[in-house]
Structures are given as structure tokens and as C-alpha cells.
Amino acid sequence: MTGVYNQGIYIDGEFFNVPIVSIQRTAELLDKVAKRSEKGDLYRELIGTYYNYQMAFGTINDVAAYKRLWDKLTEPKEFHEIKLPENDGMTEFTGYISSVSDTVQRIFPNRVTYTGLTCKMTAKEPNRRPS
């Protein structure tokens, strides 16, 4: 998705009404075992397909709202309950936030503003399993 979406996101039941510039979704098919024979044939035990996300947020002018989101994204917690905009409403999954970054935009005498907030979210378990 690209553009600016104002649906916001939910993390651990908290709603963050922030502009989303992009949501990049990747589907990773992870194996329990993947071995090649001496003849080159592949033996594979597939665990499933994991949907992972990378998000970029738009400008958040409300300093308190920005800090609240930053604090939640960087909270040292093993897993979060995450709800993101999806083509048919919202998608929900349990996952962890593996990285968060931003850039200082302006430095004022008593505060700093940031821009370019991004984060990576990784699913705890597969969204789809082999049948």
C-alpha cells in the first residue's frame, strides 16, 4: 500500500490514530527442515507462511501522540497483539517489533521533533499452514 491512510493501528488493544504512509507486507515460507540429497533433490518440511510487515508513518504533529507511539513500538515486550489495515478491513496477529527508527526533524530549545518513523513487525506463528 502507498499513500496516506488514517485508519491507524492497534497495538495491545491501544489505538494509535496516526497517518500511515506505507505498509510493506512480505510472505516468508519457513522450513522446519530443508535438505538436499547427493543427487540434488530437495527434501523439505514446510512450517508455513508468515506475513511480516514494514511500516512507515507520516508526520505526527502531536508530540504526546508521537511519544506514546514511540514508547509502545520500543516497549521491551516479547510479543504484541497487532491490528493493521488490510484490503478487507483489519488483519490481526501476534508478533514482535524487531526494529524502530526515526530521524530528528527540528531541534527547539525545549524539545525535538522527529520524522521518518518506521518499524518492522514479525509474526510469531504462521498465517497459513500446509494442508
N, C-alpha and C. Protein backbone atom coordinates (compact mmCIF):
# COMPACT_ATOMS: atom_id res chain seq x y z
N MET A 1 0.85 -1.17 0.00
CA MET A 1 0.00 0.00 0.00
C MET A 1 0.89 1.24 0.00
N THR A 2 0.51 2.24 -0.73
CA THR A 2 1.20 3.52 -0.64
C THR A 2 0.17 4.62 -0.58
N GLY A 3 0.57 5.77 -0.10
CA GLY A 3 -0.35 6.88 0.10
C GLY A 3 -0.37 7.25 1.56
N VAL A 4 -1.41 7.92 2.00
CA VAL A 4 -1.55 8.24 3.42
C VAL A 4 -2.89 7.70 3.89
N TYR A 5 -2.85 6.82 4.86
CA TYR A 5 -4.04 6.17 5.39
C TYR A 5 -4.23 6.63 6.82
N ASN A 6 -5.44 6.96 7.17
CA ASN A 6 -5.71 7.46 8.50
C ASN A 6 -6.48 6.47 9.36
N GLN A 7 -6.50 5.19 8.97
CA GLN A 7 -7.18 4.19 9.76
C GLN A 7 -6.48 3.95 11.08
N GLY A 8 -5.20 4.23 11.15
CA GLY A 8 -4.44 3.99 12.36
C GLY A 8 -4.18 2.51 12.58
N ILE A 9 -3.55 2.20 13.70
CA ILE A 9 -3.23 0.82 14.06
C ILE A 9 -3.55 0.59 15.53
N TYR A 10 -3.69 -0.67 15.88
CA TYR A 10 -3.88 -1.09 17.27
C TYR A 10 -2.68 -1.92 17.68
N ILE A 11 -2.15 -1.64 18.85
CA ILE A 11 -1.10 -2.46 19.43
C ILE A 11 -1.51 -2.74 20.87
N ASP A 12 -1.64 -4.02 21.20
CA ASP A 12 -2.06 -4.45 22.54
C ASP A 12 -3.36 -3.77 22.97
N GLY A 13 -4.28 -3.61 22.02
CA GLY A 13 -5.58 -3.02 22.31
C GLY A 13 -5.60 -1.51 22.35
N GLU A 14 -4.44 -0.87 22.27
CA GLU A 14 -4.38 0.60 22.25
C GLU A 14 -4.47 1.08 20.81
N PHE A 15 -5.33 2.06 20.57
CA PHE A 15 -5.47 2.62 19.22
C PHE A 15 -4.53 3.79 19.05
N PHE A 16 -3.83 3.81 17.92
CA PHE A 16 -2.94 4.91 17.56
C PHE A 16 -3.47 5.51 16.26
N ASN A 17 -4.09 6.68 16.36
CA ASN A 17 -4.68 7.35 15.21
C ASN A 17 -3.60 8.20 14.54
N VAL A 18 -2.75 7.53 13.78
CA VAL A 18 -1.61 8.18 13.15
C VAL A 18 -1.64 7.93 11.65
N PRO A 19 -1.09 8.86 10.87
CA PRO A 19 -1.05 8.65 9.42
C PRO A 19 -0.03 7.57 9.06
N ILE A 20 -0.43 6.68 8.18
CA ILE A 20 0.43 5.61 7.69
C ILE A 20 0.75 5.92 6.23
N VAL A 21 2.03 6.04 5.93
CA VAL A 21 2.46 6.34 4.56
C VAL A 21 2.55 5.07 3.74
N SER A 22 3.06 4.00 4.34
CA SER A 22 3.16 2.74 3.60
C SER A 22 3.17 1.55 4.55
N ILE A 23 2.65 0.46 4.04
CA ILE A 23 2.72 -0.82 4.73
C ILE A 23 3.24 -1.82 3.70
N GLN A 24 4.45 -2.30 3.94
CA GLN A 24 5.03 -3.31 3.05
C GLN A 24 4.83 -4.66 3.71
N ARG A 25 4.19 -5.57 3.00
CA ARG A 25 3.94 -6.91 3.54
C ARG A 25 4.82 -7.90 2.80
N THR A 26 5.47 -8.79 3.55
CA THR A 26 6.23 -9.87 2.94
C THR A 26 5.68 -11.19 3.45
N ALA A 27 5.66 -12.17 2.58
CA ALA A 27 5.23 -13.52 2.95
C ALA A 27 6.47 -14.40 2.90
N GLU A 28 6.84 -14.94 4.06
CA GLU A 28 8.03 -15.78 4.14
C GLU A 28 7.60 -17.22 4.43
N LEU A 29 8.00 -18.12 3.56
CA LEU A 29 7.69 -19.54 3.72
C LEU A 29 8.88 -20.19 4.43
N LEU A 30 8.65 -20.56 5.70
CA LEU A 30 9.75 -21.07 6.50
C LEU A 30 9.69 -22.59 6.62
N ASP A 31 10.87 -23.18 6.60
CA ASP A 31 11.01 -24.63 6.68
C ASP A 31 11.44 -25.07 8.07
N LYS A 32 10.94 -26.23 8.48
CA LYS A 32 11.46 -26.89 9.67
C LYS A 32 12.76 -27.61 9.28
N VAL A 33 12.70 -28.25 8.10
CA VAL A 33 13.85 -28.97 7.54
C VAL A 33 13.89 -28.71 6.05
N ALA A 34 15.07 -28.47 5.53
CA ALA A 34 15.29 -28.38 4.09
C ALA A 34 16.67 -28.95 3.82
N LYS A 35 16.70 -30.14 3.20
CA LYS A 35 17.97 -30.82 2.93
C LYS A 35 18.01 -31.27 1.48
N ARG A 36 19.18 -31.22 0.91
CA ARG A 36 19.39 -31.73 -0.45
C ARG A 36 20.12 -33.07 -0.38
N SER A 37 19.68 -33.95 -1.23
CA SER A 37 20.37 -35.24 -1.34
C SER A 37 21.64 -35.04 -2.16
N GLU A 38 22.46 -36.09 -2.21
CA GLU A 38 23.68 -36.01 -3.02
C GLU A 38 23.36 -35.81 -4.50
N LYS A 39 22.16 -36.25 -4.92
CA LYS A 39 21.74 -36.08 -6.33
C LYS A 39 21.11 -34.71 -6.58
N GLY A 40 20.92 -33.93 -5.52
CA GLY A 40 20.39 -32.59 -5.69
C GLY A 40 18.91 -32.44 -5.44
N ASP A 41 18.22 -33.56 -5.17
CA ASP A 41 16.79 -33.46 -4.84
C ASP A 41 16.63 -32.78 -3.49
N LEU A 42 15.55 -32.04 -3.35
CA LEU A 42 15.31 -31.31 -2.10
C LEU A 42 14.23 -32.02 -1.29
N TYR A 43 14.55 -32.27 -0.04
CA TYR A 43 13.56 -32.73 0.94
C TYR A 43 13.22 -31.52 1.79
N ARG A 44 11.93 -31.29 1.97
CA ARG A 44 11.51 -30.07 2.65
C ARG A 44 10.31 -30.34 3.54
N GLU A 45 10.39 -29.89 4.79
CA GLU A 45 9.24 -29.90 5.70
C GLU A 45 8.89 -28.44 5.97
N LEU A 46 7.82 -28.00 5.35
CA LEU A 46 7.40 -26.60 5.46
C LEU A 46 6.61 -26.38 6.75
N ILE A 47 6.96 -25.35 7.50
CA ILE A 47 6.19 -24.97 8.70
C ILE A 47 4.96 -24.19 8.28
N GLY A 48 5.16 -23.19 7.43
CA GLY A 48 4.05 -22.38 6.97
C GLY A 48 4.49 -21.05 6.42
N THR A 49 3.50 -20.21 6.12
CA THR A 49 3.75 -18.88 5.56
C THR A 49 3.51 -17.83 6.63
N TYR A 50 4.51 -17.02 6.86
CA TYR A 50 4.46 -15.95 7.85
C TYR A 50 4.31 -14.62 7.11
N TYR A 51 3.35 -13.80 7.53
CA TYR A 51 3.20 -12.45 6.96
C TYR A 51 3.88 -11.47 7.91
N ASN A 52 4.88 -10.78 7.39
CA ASN A 52 5.61 -9.78 8.16
C ASN A 52 5.42 -8.42 7.51
N TYR A 53 5.58 -7.37 8.30
CA TYR A 53 5.25 -6.03 7.83
C TYR A 53 6.37 -5.04 8.14
N GLN A 54 6.52 -4.09 7.24
CA GLN A 54 7.36 -2.93 7.49
C GLN A 54 6.48 -1.72 7.25
N MET A 55 6.42 -0.83 8.23
CA MET A 55 5.53 0.32 8.14
C MET A 55 6.32 1.62 8.18
N ALA A 56 5.80 2.61 7.45
CA ALA A 56 6.32 3.98 7.51
C ALA A 56 5.16 4.89 7.87
N PHE A 57 5.37 5.72 8.86
CA PHE A 57 4.34 6.62 9.34
C PHE A 57 4.57 8.02 8.78
N GLY A 58 3.47 8.74 8.61
CA GLY A 58 3.55 10.13 8.16
C GLY A 58 3.90 11.05 9.32
N THR A 59 3.86 12.32 9.05
CA THR A 59 4.19 13.31 10.08
C THR A 59 3.14 13.29 11.18
N ILE A 60 3.60 13.16 12.40
CA ILE A 60 2.73 13.18 13.58
C ILE A 60 3.06 14.46 14.32
N ASN A 61 2.19 15.46 14.19
CA ASN A 61 2.46 16.77 14.78
C ASN A 61 2.23 16.84 16.28
N ASP A 62 1.42 15.95 16.80
CA ASP A 62 1.13 15.92 18.23
C ASP A 62 2.29 15.22 18.94
N VAL A 63 3.08 15.99 19.71
CA VAL A 63 4.28 15.46 20.36
C VAL A 63 3.92 14.34 21.33
N ALA A 64 2.84 14.48 22.08
CA ALA A 64 2.43 13.45 23.04
C ALA A 64 2.01 12.17 22.32
N ALA A 65 1.30 12.29 21.20
CA ALA A 65 0.88 11.12 20.43
C ALA A 65 2.10 10.40 19.85
N TYR A 66 3.08 11.18 19.38
CA TYR A 66 4.31 10.59 18.83
C TYR A 66 5.04 9.81 19.91
N LYS A 67 5.20 10.44 21.08
CA LYS A 67 5.91 9.78 22.18
C LYS A 67 5.18 8.51 22.61
N ARG A 68 3.87 8.56 22.67
CA ARG A 68 3.07 7.39 23.06
C ARG A 68 3.30 6.24 22.08
N LEU A 69 3.29 6.54 20.76
CA LEU A 69 3.54 5.51 19.75
C LEU A 69 4.98 5.01 19.84
N TRP A 70 5.94 5.91 19.94
CA TRP A 70 7.36 5.51 20.06
C TRP A 70 7.56 4.59 21.26
N ASP A 71 6.98 4.98 22.39
CA ASP A 71 7.12 4.17 23.61
C ASP A 71 6.52 2.78 23.42
N LYS A 72 5.40 2.68 22.74
CA LYS A 72 4.76 1.38 22.51
C LYS A 72 5.60 0.54 21.54
N LEU A 73 6.07 1.15 20.46
CA LEU A 73 6.85 0.42 19.47
C LEU A 73 8.18 -0.08 20.04
N THR A 74 8.74 0.65 20.98
CA THR A 74 10.05 0.28 21.55
C THR A 74 9.93 -0.40 22.91
N GLU A 75 8.71 -0.70 23.32
CA GLU A 75 8.49 -1.37 24.60
C GLU A 75 9.21 -2.73 24.62
N PRO A 76 10.01 -3.00 25.64
CA PRO A 76 10.72 -4.28 25.68
C PRO A 76 9.79 -5.41 26.10
N LYS A 77 8.99 -5.85 25.15
CA LYS A 77 8.00 -6.88 25.38
C LYS A 77 8.20 -7.95 24.30
N GLU A 78 8.11 -9.22 24.70
CA GLU A 78 8.37 -10.30 23.74
C GLU A 78 7.43 -10.27 22.54
N PHE A 79 6.12 -10.14 22.81
CA PHE A 79 5.14 -10.16 21.72
C PHE A 79 4.05 -9.13 21.96
N HIS A 80 3.46 -8.68 20.87
CA HIS A 80 2.36 -7.72 20.90
C HIS A 80 1.19 -8.29 20.10
N GLU A 81 -0.01 -7.84 20.45
CA GLU A 81 -1.20 -8.11 19.64
C GLU A 81 -1.35 -6.91 18.71
N ILE A 82 -1.27 -7.14 17.40
CA ILE A 82 -1.21 -6.06 16.42
C ILE A 82 -2.39 -6.16 15.47
N LYS A 83 -3.00 -5.03 15.16
CA LYS A 83 -4.09 -4.92 14.19
C LYS A 83 -3.72 -3.84 13.19
N LEU A 84 -3.65 -4.22 11.92
CA LEU A 84 -3.25 -3.30 10.85
C LEU A 84 -4.33 -3.23 9.78
N PRO A 85 -4.39 -2.10 9.05
CA PRO A 85 -5.33 -2.02 7.92
C PRO A 85 -4.99 -3.07 6.86
N GLU A 86 -6.02 -3.67 6.30
CA GLU A 86 -5.87 -4.70 5.27
C GLU A 86 -6.94 -4.45 4.22
N ASN A 87 -6.84 -5.10 3.08
CA ASN A 87 -7.78 -4.82 1.99
C ASN A 87 -9.24 -5.09 2.36
N ASP A 88 -9.50 -5.98 3.32
CA ASP A 88 -10.89 -6.25 3.70
C ASP A 88 -11.18 -5.81 5.14
N GLY A 89 -10.54 -4.74 5.58
CA GLY A 89 -10.74 -4.21 6.94
C GLY A 89 -9.45 -4.16 7.71
N MET A 90 -9.34 -5.05 8.69
CA MET A 90 -8.14 -5.09 9.53
C MET A 90 -7.66 -6.54 9.60
N THR A 91 -6.35 -6.71 9.74
CA THR A 91 -5.77 -8.02 9.99
C THR A 91 -5.18 -8.01 11.38
N GLU A 92 -5.29 -9.11 12.08
CA GLU A 92 -4.78 -9.22 13.45
C GLU A 92 -3.77 -10.35 13.54
N PHE A 93 -2.70 -10.12 14.30
CA PHE A 93 -1.72 -11.18 14.52
C PHE A 93 -0.93 -10.89 15.78
N THR A 94 -0.30 -11.94 16.30
CA THR A 94 0.63 -11.80 17.41
C THR A 94 2.01 -11.76 16.80
N GLY A 95 2.80 -10.78 17.20
CA GLY A 95 4.14 -10.66 16.63
C GLY A 95 5.04 -9.83 17.50
N TYR A 96 6.25 -9.66 17.01
CA TYR A 96 7.19 -8.81 17.74
C TYR A 96 7.68 -7.70 16.81
N ILE A 97 8.11 -6.63 17.45
CA ILE A 97 8.64 -5.49 16.72
C ILE A 97 10.15 -5.59 16.80
N SER A 98 10.78 -5.79 15.63
CA SER A 98 12.22 -6.07 15.62
C SER A 98 13.09 -4.84 15.45
N SER A 99 12.55 -3.78 14.90
CA SER A 99 13.34 -2.55 14.79
C SER A 99 12.42 -1.35 14.60
N VAL A 100 12.87 -0.23 15.12
CA VAL A 100 12.14 1.04 15.01
C VAL A 100 13.18 2.10 14.71
N SER A 101 12.87 3.02 13.81
CA SER A 101 13.81 4.10 13.53
C SER A 101 13.07 5.38 13.19
N ASP A 102 13.73 6.50 13.43
CA ASP A 102 13.24 7.81 13.03
C ASP A 102 14.43 8.75 12.88
N THR A 103 14.16 9.98 12.48
CA THR A 103 15.20 10.97 12.26
C THR A 103 14.78 12.28 12.91
N VAL A 104 15.73 12.95 13.55
CA VAL A 104 15.44 14.27 14.12
C VAL A 104 15.07 15.22 12.99
N GLN A 105 13.94 15.90 13.15
CA GLN A 105 13.48 16.85 12.14
C GLN A 105 13.90 18.27 12.51
N ARG A 106 13.56 18.67 13.76
CA ARG A 106 13.90 20.02 14.21
C ARG A 106 14.28 19.96 15.69
N ILE A 107 15.21 20.82 16.06
CA ILE A 107 15.62 20.93 17.45
C ILE A 107 15.21 22.30 17.95
N PHE A 108 14.37 22.31 18.97
CA PHE A 108 13.91 23.53 19.61
C PHE A 108 14.60 23.65 20.97
N PRO A 109 14.50 24.81 21.63
CA PRO A 109 15.16 24.95 22.93
C PRO A 109 14.72 23.89 23.96
N ASN A 110 13.45 23.50 23.96
CA ASN A 110 12.96 22.58 24.99
C ASN A 110 12.45 21.24 24.47
N ARG A 111 12.57 20.98 23.19
CA ARG A 111 12.08 19.72 22.63
C ARG A 111 12.67 19.48 21.26
N VAL A 112 12.44 18.27 20.79
CA VAL A 112 12.90 17.85 19.47
C VAL A 112 11.70 17.23 18.75
N THR A 113 11.59 17.46 17.45
CA THR A 113 10.56 16.78 16.67
C THR A 113 11.25 15.79 15.73
N TYR A 114 10.51 14.74 15.38
CA TYR A 114 11.06 13.66 14.57
C TYR A 114 10.25 13.47 13.31
N THR A 115 10.86 12.80 12.35
CA THR A 115 10.21 12.46 11.10
C THR A 115 10.71 11.08 10.66
N GLY A 116 10.04 10.49 9.69
CA GLY A 116 10.52 9.25 9.10
C GLY A 116 10.41 8.04 10.02
N LEU A 117 9.39 7.99 10.86
CA LEU A 117 9.23 6.85 11.77
C LEU A 117 8.88 5.59 10.99
N THR A 118 9.66 4.54 11.19
CA THR A 118 9.40 3.25 10.56
C THR A 118 9.55 2.14 11.60
N CYS A 119 8.93 1.00 11.31
CA CYS A 119 9.11 -0.16 12.18
C CYS A 119 8.93 -1.44 11.37
N LYS A 120 9.50 -2.52 11.90
CA LYS A 120 9.34 -3.85 11.32
C LYS A 120 8.61 -4.71 12.33
N MET A 121 7.59 -5.43 11.84
CA MET A 121 6.78 -6.31 12.68
C MET A 121 6.86 -7.72 12.09
N THR A 122 7.17 -8.68 12.95
CA THR A 122 7.36 -10.05 12.52
C THR A 122 6.36 -10.96 13.22
N ALA A 123 5.68 -11.80 12.47
CA ALA A 123 4.67 -12.70 13.01
C ALA A 123 5.29 -13.76 13.90
N LYS A 124 4.60 -14.10 14.99
CA LYS A 124 5.05 -15.14 15.91
C LYS A 124 4.82 -16.53 15.34
N GLU A 125 3.71 -16.72 14.66
CA GLU A 125 3.37 -18.03 14.09
C GLU A 125 2.84 -17.84 12.69
N PRO A 126 2.79 -18.91 11.92
CA PRO A 126 2.37 -18.78 10.52
C PRO A 126 0.91 -18.33 10.38
N ASN A 127 0.68 -17.53 9.37
CA ASN A 127 -0.68 -17.15 8.99
C ASN A 127 -1.36 -18.28 8.23
N ARG A 128 -0.54 -19.05 7.53
CA ARG A 128 -1.07 -20.17 6.75
C ARG A 128 -0.16 -21.37 6.96
N ARG A 129 -0.77 -22.53 7.09
CA ARG A 129 -0.03 -23.78 7.30
C ARG A 129 -0.28 -24.71 6.14
N PRO A 130 0.66 -25.64 5.86
CA PRO A 130 0.43 -26.59 4.78
C PRO A 130 -0.78 -27.48 5.08
N SER A 131 -1.47 -27.88 4.05
CA SER A 131 -2.64 -28.75 4.26
C SER A 131 -2.25 -30.22 4.21
